Protein backbone atom coordinates (compact mmCIF):
# COMPACT_ATOMS: atom_id res chain seq x y z
CA MET A 1 50.20 -161.17 -82.20
CA ARG A 2 49.70 -161.82 -78.52
CA LYS A 3 48.65 -158.22 -77.81
CA LYS A 4 46.04 -158.32 -80.57
CA ARG A 5 44.60 -161.52 -79.12
CA LEU A 6 44.49 -159.96 -75.65
CA LEU A 7 42.83 -156.82 -77.01
CA ALA A 8 40.23 -158.90 -78.84
CA PHE A 9 39.54 -160.82 -75.62
CA VAL A 10 39.15 -157.59 -73.63
CA ILE A 11 36.73 -156.19 -76.24
CA ASP A 12 34.75 -159.45 -76.20
CA TYR A 13 34.70 -159.31 -72.40
CA PHE A 14 33.24 -155.80 -72.38
CA ILE A 15 30.65 -156.82 -74.97
CA ILE A 16 29.70 -159.75 -72.71
CA LEU A 17 29.39 -157.43 -69.71
CA SER A 18 27.21 -154.93 -71.54
CA ILE A 19 24.95 -157.62 -73.03
CA SER A 20 24.65 -159.34 -69.66
CA ALA A 21 23.87 -156.04 -67.94
CA ILE A 22 21.12 -155.30 -70.47
CA ILE A 23 19.66 -158.80 -70.10
CA ALA A 24 19.80 -158.56 -66.30
CA PHE A 25 18.14 -155.14 -66.43
CA LEU A 26 15.36 -156.42 -68.70
CA VAL A 27 14.78 -159.63 -66.78
CA GLN A 28 15.32 -158.10 -63.32
CA SER A 29 15.25 -161.50 -61.66
CA SER A 30 17.61 -162.53 -58.89
CA GLY A 31 21.23 -163.04 -60.00
CA ILE A 32 20.45 -166.45 -61.48
CA MET A 33 19.50 -165.44 -65.03
CA PHE A 34 22.43 -163.00 -65.17
CA THR A 35 24.88 -165.68 -64.05
CA ILE A 36 23.58 -168.20 -66.59
CA CYS A 37 23.84 -165.69 -69.45
CA CYS A 38 27.36 -164.71 -68.41
CA SER A 39 28.47 -168.33 -68.22
CA LEU A 40 27.03 -169.19 -71.64
CA LEU A 41 28.56 -166.15 -73.34
CA ILE A 42 31.97 -166.58 -71.73
CA SER A 43 32.14 -170.29 -72.57
CA ALA A 44 31.11 -169.52 -76.17
CA ILE A 45 33.95 -167.01 -76.53
CA LEU A 46 36.49 -169.30 -74.88
CA ASN A 47 35.48 -172.11 -77.25
CA LYS A 48 35.77 -169.72 -80.21
CA ASP A 49 39.33 -168.84 -79.14
CA ARG A 50 40.29 -172.49 -78.77
CA VAL A 51 39.37 -173.38 -82.36
């Protein structure tokens, strides 16, 4: 059970990284937009896990 949860978290993490990278590439601003997107996505996933 614990391994499945960890695997799901790792997959989610890679999805976050790829989405954030795409957003950062499209926006191409300083690191601010990238950081905000990362924070929002990570907090959303952490909240999803908590429920």
